[in-house]
C-alpha atoms as a PDB file:
ATOM      1  CA  MET A   1      41.396 110.249  80.833  1.00  0.00           C
ATOM      2  CA  LEU A   2      45.112 110.355  81.429  1.00  0.00           C
ATOM      3  CA  GLU A   3      47.040 113.573  81.668  1.00  0.00           C
ATOM      4  CA  LYS A   4      49.520 114.338  78.902  1.00  0.00           C
ATOM      5  CA  GLN A   5      52.544 113.532  81.106  1.00  0.00           C
ATOM      6  CA  GLU A   6      50.987 110.218  82.154  1.00  0.00           C
ATOM      7  CA  ILE A   7      50.524 109.259  78.511  1.00  0.00           C
ATOM      8  CA  ILE A   8      54.157 110.169  77.820  1.00  0.00           C
ATOM      9  CA  ASP A   9      55.331 108.112  80.819  1.00  0.00           C
ATOM     10  CA  LEU A  10      53.229 105.132  79.780  1.00  0.00           C
ATOM     11  CA  LYS A  11      54.454 105.347  76.191  1.00  0.00           C
ATOM     12  CA  GLN A  12      58.053 105.375  77.451  1.00  0.00           C
ATOM     13  CA  THR A  13      57.384 102.285  79.578  1.00  0.00           C
ATOM     14  CA  LEU A  14      55.827 100.497  76.613  1.00  0.00           C
ATOM     15  CA  ALA A  15      58.668 101.548  74.321  1.00  0.00           C
ATOM     16  CA  LEU A  16      61.245 100.270  76.820  1.00  0.00           C
ATOM     17  CA  CYS A  17      59.433  96.957  77.110  1.00  0.00           C
ATOM     18  CA  ALA A  18      59.199  96.615  73.333  1.00  0.00           C
ATOM     19  CA  SER A  19      62.898  97.410  72.996  1.00  0.00           C
ATOM     20  CA  VAL A  20      63.904  94.892  75.665  1.00  0.00           C
ATOM     21  CA  CYS A  21      61.773  92.183  74.010  1.00  0.00           C
ATOM     22  CA  GLU A  22      63.360  92.960  70.639  1.00  0.00           C
ATOM     23  CA  ASP A  23      66.834  92.846  72.193  1.00  0.00           C
ATOM     24  CA  CYS A  24      66.063  89.549  73.917  1.00  0.00           C
ATOM     25  CA  ALA A  25      64.870  88.069  70.641  1.00  0.00           C
ATOM     26  CA  ALA A  26      67.939  89.354  68.792  1.00  0.00           C
ATOM     27  CA  VAL A  27      70.393  87.995  71.365  1.00  0.00           C
ATOM     28  CA  GLY A  28      68.540  84.701  71.503  1.00  0.00           C
ATOM     29  CA  PHE A  29      68.559  84.463  67.735  1.00  0.00           C
ATOM     30  CA  SER A  30      72.320  84.851  67.675  1.00  0.00           C
ATOM     31  CA  ARG A  31      72.933  82.292  70.467  1.00  0.00           C
ATOM     32  CA  ILE A  32      70.419  79.499  70.198  1.00  0.00           C
ATOM     33  CA  GLN A  33      70.080  76.857  67.518  1.00  0.00           C
ATOM     34  CA  TYR A  34      67.062  77.304  65.317  1.00  0.00           C
ATOM     35  CA  GLY A  35      65.406  74.077  66.535  1.00  0.00           C
ATOM     36  CA  THR A  36      65.000  75.528  70.030  1.00  0.00           C
ATOM     37  CA  LEU A  37      64.701  79.110  68.892  1.00  0.00           C
ATOM     38  CA  LYS A  38      61.621  78.630  66.772  1.00  0.00           C
ATOM     39  CA  LYS A  39      59.573  77.850  69.878  1.00  0.00           C
ATOM     40  CA  TRP A  40      59.892  81.311  71.408  1.00  0.00           C
ATOM     41  CA  TRP A  41      61.704  83.750  69.143  1.00  0.00           C
ATOM     42  CA  PRO A  42      58.684  84.737  67.019  1.00  0.00           C
ATOM     43  CA  THR A  43      56.525  85.197  70.103  1.00  0.00           C
ATOM     44  CA  ASP A  44      59.120  87.445  71.755  1.00  0.00           C
ATOM     45  CA  ARG A  45      58.968  89.665  68.695  1.00  0.00           C
ATOM     46  CA  ASP A  46      55.156  89.541  68.710  1.00  0.00           C
ATOM     47  CA  TYR A  47      55.085  90.745  72.312  1.00  0.00           C
ATOM     48  CA  ALA A  48      57.354  93.626  71.364  1.00  0.00           C
ATOM     49  CA  ASP A  49      54.940  94.527  68.571  1.00  0.00           C
ATOM     50  CA  VAL A  50      51.992  94.545  71.006  1.00  0.00           C
ATOM     51  CA  CYS A  51      53.789  97.026  73.264  1.00  0.00           C
ATOM     52  CA  ALA A  52      54.784  99.236  70.361  1.00  0.00           C
ATOM     53  CA  LEU A  53      51.261  99.212  68.912  1.00  0.00           C
ATOM     54  CA  THR A  54      49.702  99.988  72.289  1.00  0.00           C
ATOM     55  CA  ALA A  55      52.039 102.951  72.703  1.00  0.00           C
ATOM     56  CA  SER A  56      51.052 104.236  69.262  1.00  0.00           C
ATOM     57  CA  LEU A  57      47.334 103.852  69.934  1.00  0.00           C
ATOM     58  CA  LEU A  58      47.538 105.738  73.208  1.00  0.00           C
ATOM     59  CA  MET A  59      48.052 108.935  71.295  1.00  0.00           C
ATOM     60  CA  LEU A  60      44.481 108.624  69.997  1.00  0.00           C
ATOM     61  CA  SER A  61      43.299 109.094  73.608  1.00  0.00           C
ATOM     62  CA  SER A  62      39.881 107.500  73.245  1.00  0.00           C
ATOM     63  CA  ASP A  63      38.403 105.296  75.945  1.00  0.00           C
ATOM     64  CA  MET A  64      38.253 102.324  73.608  1.00  0.00           C
ATOM     65  CA  ASP A  65      41.996 102.491  73.034  1.00  0.00           C
ATOM     66  CA  TYR A  66      42.692 102.242  76.754  1.00  0.00           C
ATOM     67  CA  ALA A  67      41.058  98.812  76.801  1.00  0.00           C
ATOM     68  CA  ARG A  68      44.060  97.710  74.738  1.00  0.00           C
ATOM     69  CA  LEU A  69      46.109  98.088  77.904  1.00  0.00           C
ATOM     70  CA  LEU A  70      44.595  94.781  79.015  1.00  0.00           C
ATOM     71  CA  ASN A  71      45.857  93.082  75.865  1.00  0.00           C
ATOM     72  CA  CYS A  72      49.271  94.572  76.414  1.00  0.00           C
ATOM     73  CA  GLU A  73      49.257  93.441  80.032  1.00  0.00           C
ATOM     74  CA  LYS A  74      48.418  89.907  78.952  1.00  0.00           C
ATOM     75  CA  ALA A  75      51.134  89.886  76.281  1.00  0.00           C
ATOM     76  CA  CYS A  76      53.714  91.192  78.755  1.00  0.00           C
ATOM     77  CA  ARG A  77      52.811  88.527  81.313  1.00  0.00           C
ATOM     78  CA  MET A  78      53.018  85.817  78.663  1.00  0.00           C
ATOM     79  CA  CYS A  79      56.401  87.081  77.512  1.00  0.00           C
ATOM     80  CA  ALA A  80      57.652  87.175  81.097  1.00  0.00           C
ATOM     81  CA  GLU A  81      56.490  83.603  81.593  1.00  0.00           C
ATOM     82  CA  VAL A  82      58.308  82.415  78.483  1.00  0.00           C
ATOM     83  CA  CYS A  83      61.501  84.326  79.241  1.00  0.00           C
ATOM     84  CA  SER A  84      61.582  83.287  82.892  1.00  0.00           C
ATOM     85  CA  GLY A  85      62.033  79.716  81.680  1.00  0.00           C
ATOM     86  CA  TYR A  86      65.515  80.496  80.352  1.00  0.00           C
ATOM     87  CA  ASP A  87      68.748  81.053  82.274  1.00  0.00           C
ATOM     88  CA  GLN A  88      70.246  83.681  79.980  1.00  0.00           C
ATOM     89  CA  GLU A  89      70.672  87.180  81.413  1.00  0.00           C
ATOM     90  CA  HIS A  90      68.827  88.824  78.522  1.00  0.00           C
ATOM     91  CA  CYS A  91      65.825  86.584  79.230  1.00  0.00           C
ATOM     92  CA  ARG A  92      65.839  87.429  82.945  1.00  0.00           C
ATOM     93  CA  ILE A  93      65.948  91.139  82.124  1.00  0.00           C
ATOM     94  CA  CYS A  94      63.141  90.747  79.601  1.00  0.00           C
ATOM     95  CA  ALA A  95      60.967  88.867  82.113  1.00  0.00           C
ATOM     96  CA  LYS A  96      61.548  91.518  84.777  1.00  0.00           C
ATOM     97  CA  ILE A  97      60.778  94.449  82.467  1.00  0.00           C
ATOM     98  CA  CYS A  98      57.717  92.690  81.035  1.00  0.00           C
ATOM     99  CA  LEU A  99      56.277  92.053  84.494  1.00  0.00           C
ATOM    100  CA  LYS A 100      56.824  95.677  85.428  1.00  0.00           C
ATOM    101  CA  CYS A 101      55.170  96.828  82.203  1.00  0.00           C
ATOM    102  CA  ALA A 102      52.233  94.452  82.780  1.00  0.00           C
ATOM    103  CA  ASP A 103      51.716  95.872  86.268  1.00  0.00           C
ATOM    104  CA  ILE A 104      51.843  99.428  84.944  1.00  0.00           C
ATOM    105  CA  CYS A 105      49.353  98.634  82.158  1.00  0.00           C
ATOM    106  CA  ARG A 106      46.982  97.097  84.710  1.00  0.00           C
ATOM    107  CA  SER A 107      47.373 100.078  87.024  1.00  0.00           C
ATOM    108  CA  TYR A 108      46.581 102.616  84.318  1.00  0.00           C
ATOM    109  CA  TYR A 109      43.657 100.555  83.057  1.00  0.00           C
ATOM    110  CA  GLN A 110      42.188 100.280  86.564  1.00  0.00           C
ATOM    111  CA  ARG A 111      42.325 104.050  86.907  1.00  0.00           C
ATOM    112  CA  LEU A 112      40.700 104.606  83.537  1.00  0.00           C
ATOM    113  CA  LYS A 113      37.865 102.126  83.770  1.00  0.00           C
ATOM    114  CA  VAL A 114      36.350 103.888  86.783  1.00  0.00           C
END
């Protein structure tokens, strides 16, 4: 079980990642033609939703909820992969933050599964 401060820190990391994904999607939406946009914009928003939902579920503090960290890790890695394929600064930032969040989710999960 995580300590209260660890849960707060993890929630802040997840919230930051969700916010960066939302920002990336918003900037992309305003800059890219819809034909190209429709390939990644909805998924960027979906990844943000996964982070936000994971942060919300952490407050329940049950062991089953911690397994959701693996789903969040996967979503963050997928988002990073998508965003790393674009040259825009907002995409590079999103990819970097998502990779960091994925690593943190994996780290916390590894500690909890023992």
